[in-house]
C-alpha atoms as a PDB file:
ATOM      1  CA  UNK A   1     203.583 -40.732  -2.460  1.00  0.00           C
ATOM      2  CA  UNK A   2     203.502 -38.503  -5.503  1.00  0.00           C
ATOM      3  CA  UNK A   3     205.824 -35.566  -5.921  1.00  0.00           C
ATOM      4  CA  UNK A   4     203.043 -33.176  -5.100  1.00  0.00           C
ATOM      5  CA  UNK A   5     202.688 -34.671  -1.738  1.00  0.00           C
ATOM      6  CA  UNK A   6     206.259 -33.735  -0.763  1.00  0.00           C
ATOM      7  CA  UNK A   7     206.139 -31.236   1.966  1.00  0.00           C
ATOM      8  CA  UNK A   8     209.760 -30.131   1.728  1.00  0.00           C
ATOM      9  CA  UNK A   9     211.350 -29.042  -1.543  1.00  0.00           C
ATOM     10  CA  UNK A  10     214.996 -28.424  -2.260  1.00  0.00           C
ATOM     11  CA  UNK A  11     215.463 -24.720  -2.692  1.00  0.00           C
ATOM     12  CA  UNK A  12     219.251 -24.213  -2.682  1.00  0.00           C
ATOM     13  CA  UNK A  13     222.445 -24.925  -0.908  1.00  0.00           C
ATOM     14  CA  UNK A  14     224.932 -23.227   1.234  1.00  0.00           C
ATOM     15  CA  UNK A  15     227.949 -22.434  -0.950  1.00  0.00           C
ATOM     16  CA  UNK A  16     230.130 -20.331   1.353  1.00  0.00           C
ATOM     17  CA  UNK A  17     230.421 -18.209   4.476  1.00  0.00           C
ATOM     18  CA  UNK A  18     229.982 -14.556   4.441  1.00  0.00           C
ATOM     19  CA  UNK A  19     231.924 -12.631   7.129  1.00  0.00           C
ATOM     20  CA  UNK A  20     232.877 -13.932  10.534  1.00  0.00           C
ATOM     21  CA  UNK A  21     229.632 -13.867  12.512  1.00  0.00           C
ATOM     22  CA  UNK A  22     228.082 -16.987  10.810  1.00  0.00           C
ATOM     23  CA  UNK A  23     226.253 -15.588   7.827  1.00  0.00           C
ATOM     24  CA  UNK A  24     226.041 -18.001   4.871  1.00  0.00           C
ATOM     25  CA  UNK A  25     225.966 -17.449   1.123  1.00  0.00           C
ATOM     26  CA  UNK A  26     223.124 -19.465  -0.381  1.00  0.00           C
ATOM     27  CA  UNK A  27     222.805 -20.594  -4.052  1.00  0.00           C
ATOM     28  CA  UNK A  28     219.211 -20.244  -4.913  1.00  0.00           C
ATOM     29  CA  UNK A  29     217.404 -22.972  -6.778  1.00  0.00           C
ATOM     30  CA  UNK A  30     214.143 -21.021  -6.864  1.00  0.00           C
ATOM     31  CA  UNK A  31     213.083 -19.121 -10.120  1.00  0.00           C
ATOM     32  CA  UNK A  32     214.236 -15.939  -8.251  1.00  0.00           C
ATOM     33  CA  UNK A  33     216.616 -15.557  -5.378  1.00  0.00           C
ATOM     34  CA  UNK A  34     214.199 -13.172  -3.812  1.00  0.00           C
ATOM     35  CA  UNK A  35     211.863 -16.072  -3.210  1.00  0.00           C
ATOM     36  CA  UNK A  36     214.458 -17.779  -1.148  1.00  0.00           C
ATOM     37  CA  UNK A  37     215.410 -14.459   0.595  1.00  0.00           C
ATOM     38  CA  UNK A  38     211.763 -13.919   1.701  1.00  0.00           C
ATOM     39  CA  UNK A  39     211.397 -17.236   3.449  1.00  0.00           C
ATOM     40  CA  UNK A  40     211.003 -17.083   7.234  1.00  0.00           C
ATOM     41  CA  UNK A  41     212.342 -20.607   7.695  1.00  0.00           C
ATOM     42  CA  UNK A  42     214.578 -23.074   5.896  1.00  0.00           C
ATOM     43  CA  UNK A  43     215.067 -26.723   6.833  1.00  0.00           C
ATOM     44  CA  UNK A  44     218.098 -28.962   6.921  1.00  0.00           C
ATOM     45  CA  UNK A  45     217.688 -32.728   6.350  1.00  0.00           C
ATOM     46  CA  UNK A  46     219.426 -34.419   9.426  1.00  0.00           C
ATOM     47  CA  UNK A  47     219.436 -38.227   9.671  1.00  0.00           C
ATOM     48  CA  UNK A  48     216.331 -38.407   7.461  1.00  0.00           C
ATOM     49  CA  UNK A  49     214.376 -35.848   9.323  1.00  0.00           C
ATOM     50  CA  UNK A  50     213.798 -32.131   8.494  1.00  0.00           C
ATOM     51  CA  UNK A  51     215.169 -29.629  11.072  1.00  0.00           C
ATOM     52  CA  UNK A  52     213.653 -26.174  10.961  1.00  0.00           C
ATOM     53  CA  UNK A  53     215.912 -23.118  11.175  1.00  0.00           C
ATOM     54  CA  UNK A  54     214.567 -19.597  11.268  1.00  0.00           C
ATOM     55  CA  UNK A  55     216.067 -17.025   8.896  1.00  0.00           C
ATOM     56  CA  UNK A  56     217.003 -13.981  10.976  1.00  0.00           C
ATOM     57  CA  UNK A  57     217.841 -11.830   8.029  1.00  0.00           C
ATOM     58  CA  UNK A  58     218.472 -12.327   4.294  1.00  0.00           C
ATOM     59  CA  UNK A  59     219.199 -10.284   1.234  1.00  0.00           C
ATOM     60  CA  UNK A  60     220.012 -10.792  -2.399  1.00  0.00           C
ATOM     61  CA  UNK A  61     223.531 -10.167  -3.588  1.00  0.00           C
ATOM     62  CA  UNK A  62     224.583 -10.957  -7.232  1.00  0.00           C
ATOM     63  CA  UNK A  63     221.958 -13.780  -7.719  1.00  0.00           C
ATOM     64  CA  UNK A  64     222.897 -15.346  -4.375  1.00  0.00           C
ATOM     65  CA  UNK A  65     221.288 -14.912  -0.889  1.00  0.00           C
ATOM     66  CA  UNK A  66     223.293 -13.759   2.112  1.00  0.00           C
ATOM     67  CA  UNK A  67     221.509 -15.086   5.116  1.00  0.00           C
ATOM     68  CA  UNK A  68     221.782 -15.030   8.883  1.00  0.00           C
ATOM     69  CA  UNK A  69     220.272 -18.458  10.099  1.00  0.00           C
ATOM     70  CA  UNK A  70     219.253 -19.263  13.570  1.00  0.00           C
ATOM     71  CA  UNK A  71     221.936 -21.478  15.220  1.00  0.00           C
ATOM     72  CA  UNK A  72     224.719 -20.537  12.863  1.00  0.00           C
ATOM     73  CA  UNK A  73     226.577 -17.904  14.932  1.00  0.00           C
ATOM     74  CA  UNK A  74     230.244 -18.107  13.976  1.00  0.00           C
ATOM     75  CA  UNK A  75     232.353 -18.664  10.818  1.00  0.00           C
ATOM     76  CA  UNK A  76     233.343 -22.250  11.964  1.00  0.00           C
ATOM     77  CA  UNK A  77     229.814 -23.396  12.155  1.00  0.00           C
ATOM     78  CA  UNK A  78     228.945 -21.673   8.831  1.00  0.00           C
ATOM     79  CA  UNK A  79     232.057 -23.244   7.144  1.00  0.00           C
ATOM     80  CA  UNK A  80     231.067 -26.827   8.263  1.00  0.00           C
ATOM     81  CA  UNK A  81     227.760 -26.421   6.519  1.00  0.00           C
ATOM     82  CA  UNK A  82     229.226 -25.630   3.109  1.00  0.00           C
ATOM     83  CA  UNK A  83     227.542 -27.726   0.358  1.00  0.00           C
ATOM     84  CA  UNK A  84     224.547 -28.501   2.518  1.00  0.00           C
ATOM     85  CA  UNK A  85     221.310 -28.653   0.571  1.00  0.00           C
ATOM     86  CA  UNK A  86     218.509 -26.557   2.173  1.00  0.00           C
ATOM     87  CA  UNK A  87     214.842 -27.051   1.903  1.00  0.00           C
ATOM     88  CA  UNK A  88     211.665 -25.002   2.058  1.00  0.00           C
ATOM     89  CA  UNK A  89     208.098 -26.078   3.067  1.00  0.00           C
ATOM     90  CA  UNK A  90     206.033 -25.918  -0.114  1.00  0.00           C
ATOM     91  CA  UNK A  91     203.369 -24.035   1.729  1.00  0.00           C
ATOM     92  CA  UNK A  92     205.811 -21.105   2.334  1.00  0.00           C
ATOM     93  CA  UNK A  93     206.379 -20.459  -1.294  1.00  0.00           C
ATOM     94  CA  UNK A  94     203.608 -18.586  -3.078  1.00  0.00           C
ATOM     95  CA  UNK A  95     202.796 -19.684  -6.588  1.00  0.00           C
ATOM     96  CA  UNK A  96     201.235 -17.583  -9.345  1.00  0.00           C
ATOM     97  CA  UNK A  97     198.271 -18.928 -11.329  1.00  0.00           C
ATOM     98  CA  UNK A  98     199.699 -21.399 -13.868  1.00  0.00           C
ATOM     99  CA  UNK A  99     203.018 -21.939 -12.018  1.00  0.00           C
ATOM    100  CA  UNK A 100     204.151 -25.337 -10.758  1.00  0.00           C
ATOM    101  CA  UNK A 101     206.956 -26.741  -8.672  1.00  0.00           C
ATOM    102  CA  UNK A 102     209.312 -28.687 -10.984  1.00  0.00           C
ATOM    103  CA  UNK A 103     209.100 -31.723  -8.743  1.00  0.00           C
ATOM    104  CA  UNK A 104     205.405 -31.871  -9.333  1.00  0.00           C
ATOM    105  CA  UNK A 105     206.064 -32.374 -13.059  1.00  0.00           C
ATOM    106  CA  UNK A 106     208.488 -35.166 -12.753  1.00  0.00           C
ATOM    107  CA  UNK A 107     206.691 -38.409 -13.610  1.00  0.00           C
ATOM    108  CA  UNK A 108     203.661 -36.835 -15.271  1.00  0.00           C
ATOM    109  CA  UNK A 109     202.502 -38.469 -18.563  1.00  0.00           C
ATOM    110  CA  UNK A 110     203.132 -36.534 -21.702  1.00  0.00           C
ATOM    111  CA  UNK A 111     199.884 -36.775 -23.889  1.00  0.00           C
ATOM    112  CA  UNK A 112     199.128 -35.541 -27.380  1.00  0.00           C
ATOM    113  CA  UNK A 113     196.421 -32.875 -26.963  1.00  0.00           C
ATOM    114  CA  UNK A 114     194.838 -33.761 -30.207  1.00  0.00           C
ATOM    115  CA  UNK A 115     194.615 -37.557 -30.324  1.00  0.00           C
ATOM    116  CA  UNK A 116     195.402 -38.688 -26.725  1.00  0.00           C
ATOM    117  CA  UNK A 117     198.463 -40.628 -27.605  1.00  0.00           C
ATOM    118  CA  UNK A 118     200.805 -41.063 -24.545  1.00  0.00           C
ATOM    119  CA  UNK A 119     204.403 -40.358 -25.601  1.00  0.00           C
ATOM    120  CA  UNK A 120     206.164 -41.086 -22.158  1.00  0.00           C
ATOM    121  CA  UNK A 121     206.685 -39.394 -18.886  1.00  0.00           C
ATOM    122  CA  UNK A 122     208.704 -36.333 -17.788  1.00  0.00           C
ATOM    123  CA  UNK A 123     211.872 -37.506 -16.174  1.00  0.00           C
ATOM    124  CA  UNK A 124     213.763 -34.301 -15.914  1.00  0.00           C
ATOM    125  CA  UNK A 125     213.270 -30.407 -16.201  1.00  0.00           C
ATOM    126  CA  UNK A 126     216.122 -28.103 -16.909  1.00  0.00           C
ATOM    127  CA  UNK A 127     216.492 -24.508 -17.997  1.00  0.00           C
ATOM    128  CA  UNK A 128     218.481 -23.294 -20.957  1.00  0.00           C
ATOM    129  CA  UNK A 129     217.970 -19.640 -20.171  1.00  0.00           C
ATOM    130  CA  UNK A 130     215.325 -19.008 -22.804  1.00  0.00           C
ATOM    131  CA  UNK A 131     212.906 -21.600 -21.504  1.00  0.00           C
ATOM    132  CA  UNK A 132     212.490 -24.751 -19.490  1.00  0.00           C
ATOM    133  CA  UNK A 133     213.095 -27.977 -21.384  1.00  0.00           C
ATOM    134  CA  UNK A 134     211.225 -31.159 -20.458  1.00  0.00           C
ATOM    135  CA  UNK A 135     213.142 -34.497 -20.873  1.00  0.00           C
ATOM    136  CA  UNK A 136     210.513 -37.106 -21.776  1.00  0.00           C
ATOM    137  CA  UNK A 137     211.351 -40.782 -21.187  1.00  0.00           C
ATOM    138  CA  UNK A 138     209.678 -42.740 -24.155  1.00  0.00           C
ATOM    139  CA  UNK A 139     209.806 -46.319 -25.247  1.00  0.00           C
ATOM    140  CA  UNK A 140     212.327 -45.342 -27.804  1.00  0.00           C
ATOM    141  CA  UNK A 141     214.591 -43.386 -25.500  1.00  0.00           C
ATOM    142  CA  UNK A 142     214.694 -39.702 -24.090  1.00  0.00           C
ATOM    143  CA  UNK A 143     213.212 -36.884 -26.218  1.00  0.00           C
ATOM    144  CA  UNK A 144     213.204 -33.228 -25.246  1.00  0.00           C
ATOM    145  CA  UNK A 145     210.410 -30.649 -25.652  1.00  0.00           C
ATOM    146  CA  UNK A 146     210.669 -26.991 -24.995  1.00  0.00           C
ATOM    147  CA  UNK A 147     208.248 -25.735 -22.354  1.00  0.00           C
ATOM    148  CA  UNK A 148     206.781 -23.059 -24.453  1.00  0.00           C
ATOM    149  CA  UNK A 149     203.108 -22.318 -25.414  1.00  0.00           C
ATOM    150  CA  UNK A 150     203.658 -23.470 -28.979  1.00  0.00           C
ATOM    151  CA  UNK A 151     204.133 -27.049 -27.746  1.00  0.00           C
ATOM    152  CA  UNK A 152     202.731 -27.182 -24.118  1.00  0.00           C
ATOM    153  CA  UNK A 153     198.918 -26.785 -24.459  1.00  0.00           C
ATOM    154  CA  UNK A 154     197.894 -27.671 -20.853  1.00  0.00           C
ATOM    155  CA  UNK A 155     199.403 -28.869 -17.587  1.00  0.00           C
ATOM    156  CA  UNK A 156     197.137 -30.782 -15.393  1.00  0.00           C
ATOM    157  CA  UNK A 157     198.858 -32.105 -12.270  1.00  0.00           C
ATOM    158  CA  UNK A 158     196.236 -34.930 -11.958  1.00  0.00           C
ATOM    159  CA  UNK A 159     196.174 -36.059 -15.631  1.00  0.00           C
ATOM    160  CA  UNK A 160     199.397 -34.983 -17.295  1.00  0.00           C
ATOM    161  CA  UNK A 161     201.027 -32.550 -19.644  1.00  0.00           C
ATOM    162  CA  UNK A 162     199.203 -32.076 -22.953  1.00  0.00           C
ATOM    163  CA  UNK A 163     201.352 -31.287 -25.877  1.00  0.00           C
ATOM    164  CA  UNK A 164     201.150 -30.472 -29.615  1.00  0.00           C
ATOM    165  CA  UNK A 165     204.434 -31.662 -30.966  1.00  0.00           C
ATOM    166  CA  UNK A 166     205.846 -30.849 -34.300  1.00  0.00           C
ATOM    167  CA  UNK A 167     206.812 -33.535 -36.747  1.00  0.00           C
ATOM    168  CA  UNK A 168     209.885 -35.423 -35.616  1.00  0.00           C
ATOM    169  CA  UNK A 169     209.729 -34.474 -32.050  1.00  0.00           C
ATOM    170  CA  UNK A 170     208.762 -37.795 -30.715  1.00  0.00           C
ATOM    171  CA  UNK A 171     209.837 -39.969 -33.798  1.00  0.00           C
END
């Protein structure tokens, strides 16, 4: 199964309780916390299966999301869920034209846009604040490439990531 066939994507985790009535504080792993706050449902992974939980209400507070979640009705239940990773159904997250889920980029080949040479595959994506950085696993080790238009020419989820590297980037 390729990454783009994954139905459920990690979207954050419960980092704390909020109040005494079971609200939870969520750390959002989405580009914007508003994306997580606007979901109608989240999912918990329980014994390898995904369990749906309706979000009763949610709001953004200082880059976190404060949420009231179905079935979490008191502080003890909320506290027991601290550090729990939460998931979203990929169909519930709207993507703009040209946007991708990070998980769909992992494993894609990185190909020279001019000569077709394959440098390696994307093994990780992380953000430095200014832009995403793609870690590319090559035969010579790991290399990093900023995900900016100067280097990333095209992303085709079927064929790969086409790049125009500068001298020394993959040497």
